Amino acid sequence: MAFHILRVYFKAAVLVPFYLACFIGFFIVGGIWIHGDYSWQLVAENSFCQALLKNVFFSGLTGMLTLSAFLNCYRKVAYSLFFSLLAWMLLPYSFIAFLLIHEVNWAAMSPPQAGMFEGVYLLVLCFFHVIGIIISYQDFRATVVLNIAEERERLSAQQKENTLSL
């Protein structure tokens, strides 16, 4: 699989959720910074801002773990559904599961409590990463299937040409 083609699918899976996390996180932190008379100390001491920036970091780390999708540059991985799926989803989904287990305060969700928004924000980011990875993988697999079909046609045409020339 060509690296430049794979890069397009990687961007769709990673950049959209990460940019969304950055936009929302920095928009809210910027609002708190402006509302606090441009005080960085207020932002640094605000646990809500720290949680938002931590979630932006987690989104970026999920994107970094999605780099394993580039193992699909190898033909053996790209043409095998199992290995391709494993390379594309194992690391980011494992990290997302870790975040959902250890970082989301599920007790704050049942009756809404303090800290609920940070958990909801992380859930939304994880949801966007999961959806982005699934959609980009489906598009990638469609391209791989087309490439396999084109290779088979080309090989059969070459074999026919070779038998006719003999």
C-alpha atoms as a PDB file:
ATOM      1  CA  MET A   1       0.000   0.000   0.000  1.00  0.00           C
ATOM      2  CA  ALA A   2       1.390   3.391  -0.909  1.00  0.00           C
ATOM      3  CA  PHE A   3       2.426   5.601   1.987  1.00  0.00           C
ATOM      4  CA  HIS A   4       0.819   8.746   0.535  1.00  0.00           C
ATOM      5  CA  ILE A   5      -2.551   7.013   0.165  1.00  0.00           C
ATOM      6  CA  LEU A   6      -2.421   5.685   3.710  1.00  0.00           C
ATOM      7  CA  ARG A   7      -1.557   9.150   5.014  1.00  0.00           C
ATOM      8  CA  VAL A   8      -4.946  10.477   3.825  1.00  0.00           C
ATOM      9  CA  TYR A   9      -6.825   7.885   5.859  1.00  0.00           C
ATOM     10  CA  PHE A  10      -4.638   8.530   8.888  1.00  0.00           C
ATOM     11  CA  LYS A  11      -5.429  12.233   8.728  1.00  0.00           C
ATOM     12  CA  ALA A  12      -9.151  11.528   8.643  1.00  0.00           C
ATOM     13  CA  ALA A  13      -8.917   9.226  11.656  1.00  0.00           C
ATOM     14  CA  VAL A  14      -6.692  11.410  13.811  1.00  0.00           C
ATOM     15  CA  LEU A  15      -6.666  15.055  12.858  1.00  0.00           C
ATOM     16  CA  VAL A  16     -10.386  15.762  12.942  1.00  0.00           C
ATOM     17  CA  PRO A  17     -10.876  14.532  16.546  1.00  0.00           C
ATOM     18  CA  PHE A  18      -7.600  16.108  17.680  1.00  0.00           C
ATOM     19  CA  TYR A  19      -8.413  19.483  16.116  1.00  0.00           C
ATOM     20  CA  LEU A  20     -11.853  19.339  17.716  1.00  0.00           C
ATOM     21  CA  ALA A  21     -10.246  18.632  21.101  1.00  0.00           C
ATOM     22  CA  CYS A  22      -7.806  21.515  20.629  1.00  0.00           C
ATOM     23  CA  PHE A  23     -10.487  23.936  19.493  1.00  0.00           C
ATOM     24  CA  ILE A  24     -12.910  23.195  22.305  1.00  0.00           C
ATOM     25  CA  GLY A  25     -10.231  22.918  24.985  1.00  0.00           C
ATOM     26  CA  PHE A  26      -8.328  26.047  24.061  1.00  0.00           C
ATOM     27  CA  PHE A  27     -11.534  27.995  23.438  1.00  0.00           C
ATOM     28  CA  ILE A  28     -12.750  27.265  26.966  1.00  0.00           C
ATOM     29  CA  VAL A  29      -9.323  27.777  28.568  1.00  0.00           C
ATOM     30  CA  GLY A  30      -8.926  31.007  26.584  1.00  0.00           C
ATOM     31  CA  GLY A  31     -12.309  32.176  27.812  1.00  0.00           C
ATOM     32  CA  ILE A  32     -11.303  31.517  31.402  1.00  0.00           C
ATOM     33  CA  TRP A  33      -7.975  33.279  30.791  1.00  0.00           C
ATOM     34  CA  ILE A  34      -9.706  36.362  29.344  1.00  0.00           C
ATOM     35  CA  HIS A  35     -12.399  36.342  32.035  1.00  0.00           C
ATOM     36  CA  GLY A  36      -9.663  36.160  34.700  1.00  0.00           C
ATOM     37  CA  ASP A  37      -8.072  39.406  33.457  1.00  0.00           C
ATOM     38  CA  TYR A  38      -5.435  37.568  31.391  1.00  0.00           C
ATOM     39  CA  SER A  39      -4.017  35.787  34.410  1.00  0.00           C
ATOM     40  CA  TRP A  40      -2.053  32.633  33.637  1.00  0.00           C
ATOM     41  CA  GLN A  41      -1.905  31.906  37.330  1.00  0.00           C
ATOM     42  CA  LEU A  42      -5.700  31.624  37.443  1.00  0.00           C
ATOM     43  CA  VAL A  43      -5.599  29.162  34.541  1.00  0.00           C
ATOM     44  CA  ALA A  44      -2.774  27.161  36.142  1.00  0.00           C
ATOM     45  CA  GLU A  45      -4.665  26.869  39.430  1.00  0.00           C
ATOM     46  CA  ASN A  46      -8.004  26.011  37.826  1.00  0.00           C
ATOM     47  CA  SER A  47      -8.550  22.244  37.964  1.00  0.00           C
ATOM     48  CA  PHE A  48     -11.161  22.481  35.203  1.00  0.00           C
ATOM     49  CA  CYS A  49      -8.598  23.995  32.809  1.00  0.00           C
ATOM     50  CA  GLN A  50      -6.060  21.363  33.770  1.00  0.00           C
ATOM     51  CA  ALA A  51      -8.569  18.599  33.043  1.00  0.00           C
ATOM     52  CA  LEU A  52      -9.410  20.089  29.635  1.00  0.00           C
ATOM     53  CA  LEU A  53      -5.758  20.400  28.662  1.00  0.00           C
ATOM     54  CA  LYS A  54      -5.127  16.859  29.895  1.00  0.00           C
ATOM     55  CA  ASN A  55      -7.942  15.634  27.644  1.00  0.00           C
ATOM     56  CA  VAL A  56      -6.364  17.449  24.682  1.00  0.00           C
ATOM     57  CA  PHE A  57      -3.111  15.653  25.527  1.00  0.00           C
ATOM     58  CA  PHE A  58      -4.960  12.310  25.666  1.00  0.00           C
ATOM     59  CA  SER A  59      -6.463  13.015  22.253  1.00  0.00           C
ATOM     60  CA  GLY A  60      -3.004  13.705  20.846  1.00  0.00           C
ATOM     61  CA  LEU A  61      -1.650  10.543  22.439  1.00  0.00           C
ATOM     62  CA  THR A  62      -4.478   8.540  20.885  1.00  0.00           C
ATOM     63  CA  GLY A  63      -3.473  10.021  17.552  1.00  0.00           C
ATOM     64  CA  MET A  64       0.138   9.017  18.126  1.00  0.00           C
ATOM     65  CA  LEU A  65      -0.927   5.464  18.910  1.00  0.00           C
ATOM     66  CA  THR A  66      -2.884   5.389  15.668  1.00  0.00           C
ATOM     67  CA  LEU A  67       0.464   5.603  13.852  1.00  0.00           C
ATOM     68  CA  SER A  68       0.472   1.814  14.003  1.00  0.00           C
ATOM     69  CA  ALA A  69      -1.888   2.032  11.021  1.00  0.00           C
ATOM     70  CA  PHE A  70       1.192   2.707   8.903  1.00  0.00           C
ATOM     71  CA  LEU A  71       2.110  -0.960   9.276  1.00  0.00           C
ATOM     72  CA  ASN A  72      -0.404  -1.305   6.454  1.00  0.00           C
ATOM     73  CA  CYS A  73       2.318  -0.018   4.131  1.00  0.00           C
ATOM     74  CA  TYR A  74       3.531  -3.615   4.112  1.00  0.00           C
ATOM     75  CA  ARG A  75       1.648  -5.717   1.591  1.00  0.00           C
ATOM     76  CA  LYS A  76       1.303  -8.714   3.934  1.00  0.00           C
ATOM     77  CA  VAL A  77      -0.381  -6.562   6.582  1.00  0.00           C
ATOM     78  CA  ALA A  78      -2.527  -4.517   4.203  1.00  0.00           C
ATOM     79  CA  TYR A  79      -3.894  -7.497   2.285  1.00  0.00           C
ATOM     80  CA  SER A  80      -4.752  -9.498   5.402  1.00  0.00           C
ATOM     81  CA  LEU A  81      -8.012  -8.384   6.975  1.00  0.00           C
ATOM     82  CA  PHE A  82      -6.979  -9.610  10.429  1.00  0.00           C
ATOM     83  CA  PHE A  83      -3.517  -8.008  10.502  1.00  0.00           C
ATOM     84  CA  SER A  84      -4.798  -4.834   8.908  1.00  0.00           C
ATOM     85  CA  LEU A  85      -7.562  -4.486  11.480  1.00  0.00           C
ATOM     86  CA  LEU A  86      -5.123  -5.269  14.274  1.00  0.00           C
ATOM     87  CA  ALA A  87      -2.580  -2.706  13.073  1.00  0.00           C
ATOM     88  CA  TRP A  88      -5.229  -0.074  12.594  1.00  0.00           C
ATOM     89  CA  MET A  89      -7.172  -0.421  15.830  1.00  0.00           C
ATOM     90  CA  LEU A  90      -5.353  -2.352  18.576  1.00  0.00           C
ATOM     91  CA  LEU A  91      -3.216   0.394  20.130  1.00  0.00           C
ATOM     92  CA  PRO A  92      -5.648   3.322  19.920  1.00  0.00           C
ATOM     93  CA  TYR A  93      -8.631   1.287  21.113  1.00  0.00           C
ATOM     94  CA  SER A  94      -6.618  -0.188  23.970  1.00  0.00           C
ATOM     95  CA  PHE A  95      -5.658   3.309  25.074  1.00  0.00           C
ATOM     96  CA  ILE A  96      -9.250   4.533  24.725  1.00  0.00           C
ATOM     97  CA  ALA A  97     -10.407   1.608  26.883  1.00  0.00           C
ATOM     98  CA  PHE A  98      -7.740   2.533  29.439  1.00  0.00           C
ATOM     99  CA  LEU A  99      -9.013   6.123  29.474  1.00  0.00           C
ATOM    100  CA  LEU A 100     -12.618   5.048  29.875  1.00  0.00           C
ATOM    101  CA  ILE A 101     -11.727   2.767  32.769  1.00  0.00           C
ATOM    102  CA  HIS A 102      -9.227   4.934  34.638  1.00  0.00           C
ATOM    103  CA  GLU A 103      -9.831   8.572  33.707  1.00  0.00           C
ATOM    104  CA  VAL A 104     -13.605   8.996  33.509  1.00  0.00           C
ATOM    105  CA  ASN A 105     -15.237   9.584  36.870  1.00  0.00           C
ATOM    106  CA  TRP A 106     -18.313   7.435  36.362  1.00  0.00           C
ATOM    107  CA  ALA A 107     -19.590   8.196  39.872  1.00  0.00           C
ATOM    108  CA  ALA A 108     -19.959  11.859  38.912  1.00  0.00           C
ATOM    109  CA  MET A 109     -22.252  10.917  36.029  1.00  0.00           C
ATOM    110  CA  SER A 110     -25.236   9.308  37.797  1.00  0.00           C
ATOM    111  CA  PRO A 111     -26.425  12.326  39.729  1.00  0.00           C
ATOM    112  CA  PRO A 112     -24.605  15.212  38.021  1.00  0.00           C
ATOM    113  CA  GLN A 113     -21.758  16.372  40.214  1.00  0.00           C
ATOM    114  CA  ALA A 114     -18.634  18.457  39.979  1.00  0.00           C
ATOM    115  CA  GLY A 115     -16.210  16.960  37.500  1.00  0.00           C
ATOM    116  CA  MET A 116     -18.964  15.610  35.274  1.00  0.00           C
ATOM    117  CA  PHE A 117     -18.176  17.945  32.371  1.00  0.00           C
ATOM    118  CA  GLU A 118     -14.555  16.783  32.164  1.00  0.00           C
ATOM    119  CA  GLY A 119     -15.736  13.176  31.951  1.00  0.00           C
ATOM    120  CA  VAL A 120     -18.332  13.984  29.331  1.00  0.00           C
ATOM    121  CA  TYR A 121     -15.745  15.914  27.326  1.00  0.00           C
ATOM    122  CA  LEU A 122     -13.385  12.916  27.425  1.00  0.00           C
ATOM    123  CA  LEU A 123     -16.238  10.603  26.415  1.00  0.00           C
ATOM    124  CA  VAL A 124     -17.036  12.820  23.427  1.00  0.00           C
ATOM    125  CA  LEU A 125     -13.381  12.898  22.369  1.00  0.00           C
ATOM    126  CA  CYS A 126     -13.116   9.123  22.673  1.00  0.00           C
ATOM    127  CA  PHE A 127     -16.319   8.747  20.664  1.00  0.00           C
ATOM    128  CA  PHE A 128     -14.945  10.955  17.874  1.00  0.00           C
ATOM    129  CA  HIS A 129     -11.700   8.982  17.805  1.00  0.00           C
ATOM    130  CA  VAL A 130     -13.549   5.652  17.666  1.00  0.00           C
ATOM    131  CA  ILE A 131     -15.858   6.841  14.884  1.00  0.00           C
ATOM    132  CA  GLY A 132     -13.001   8.470  12.950  1.00  0.00           C
ATOM    133  CA  ILE A 133     -10.878   5.325  13.124  1.00  0.00           C
ATOM    134  CA  ILE A 134     -13.776   3.098  12.034  1.00  0.00           C
ATOM    135  CA  ILE A 135     -14.766   5.312   9.098  1.00  0.00           C
ATOM    136  CA  SER A 136     -11.205   5.770   7.879  1.00  0.00           C
ATOM    137  CA  TYR A 137     -10.541   2.032   8.179  1.00  0.00           C
ATOM    138  CA  GLN A 138     -13.614   1.219   6.105  1.00  0.00           C
ATOM    139  CA  ASP A 139     -12.471   3.634   3.411  1.00  0.00           C
ATOM    140  CA  PHE A 140      -8.974   2.174   3.560  1.00  0.00           C
ATOM    141  CA  ARG A 141     -10.258  -1.401   3.201  1.00  0.00           C
ATOM    142  CA  ALA A 142     -12.346  -0.399   0.195  1.00  0.00           C
ATOM    143  CA  THR A 143      -9.189   0.948  -1.444  1.00  0.00           C
ATOM    144  CA  VAL A 144      -7.259  -2.224  -0.592  1.00  0.00           C
ATOM    145  CA  VAL A 145      -9.986  -4.426  -2.056  1.00  0.00           C
ATOM    146  CA  LEU A 146      -9.891  -2.374  -5.261  1.00  0.00           C
ATOM    147  CA  ASN A 147      -6.095  -2.677  -5.382  1.00  0.00           C
ATOM    148  CA  ILE A 148      -6.294  -6.447  -4.930  1.00  0.00           C
ATOM    149  CA  ALA A 149      -8.842  -6.735  -7.734  1.00  0.00           C
ATOM    150  CA  GLU A 150      -6.723  -4.577 -10.047  1.00  0.00           C
ATOM    151  CA  GLU A 151      -3.606  -6.646  -9.280  1.00  0.00           C
ATOM    152  CA  ARG A 152      -5.440  -9.887 -10.024  1.00  0.00           C
ATOM    153  CA  GLU A 153      -6.729  -8.499 -13.313  1.00  0.00           C
ATOM    154  CA  ARG A 154      -3.268  -7.297 -14.258  1.00  0.00           C
ATOM    155  CA  LEU A 155      -1.688 -10.628 -13.347  1.00  0.00           C
ATOM    156  CA  SER A 156      -4.287 -12.619 -15.285  1.00  0.00           C
ATOM    157  CA  ALA A 157      -3.815 -10.335 -18.293  1.00  0.00           C
ATOM    158  CA  GLN A 158      -0.045 -10.866 -18.087  1.00  0.00           C
ATOM    159  CA  GLN A 159      -0.488 -14.621 -17.819  1.00  0.00           C
ATOM    160  CA  LYS A 160      -2.771 -14.636 -20.863  1.00  0.00           C
ATOM    161  CA  GLU A 161      -0.277 -12.530 -22.763  1.00  0.00           C
ATOM    162  CA  ASN A 162       2.571 -14.858 -21.764  1.00  0.00           C
ATOM    163  CA  THR A 163       0.652 -17.993 -22.853  1.00  0.00           C
ATOM    164  CA  LEU A 164      -0.293 -16.402 -26.175  1.00  0.00           C
ATOM    165  CA  SER A 165       3.279 -15.346 -26.861  1.00  0.00           C
ATOM    166  CA  LEU A 166       4.562 -18.892 -26.245  1.00  0.00           C
END
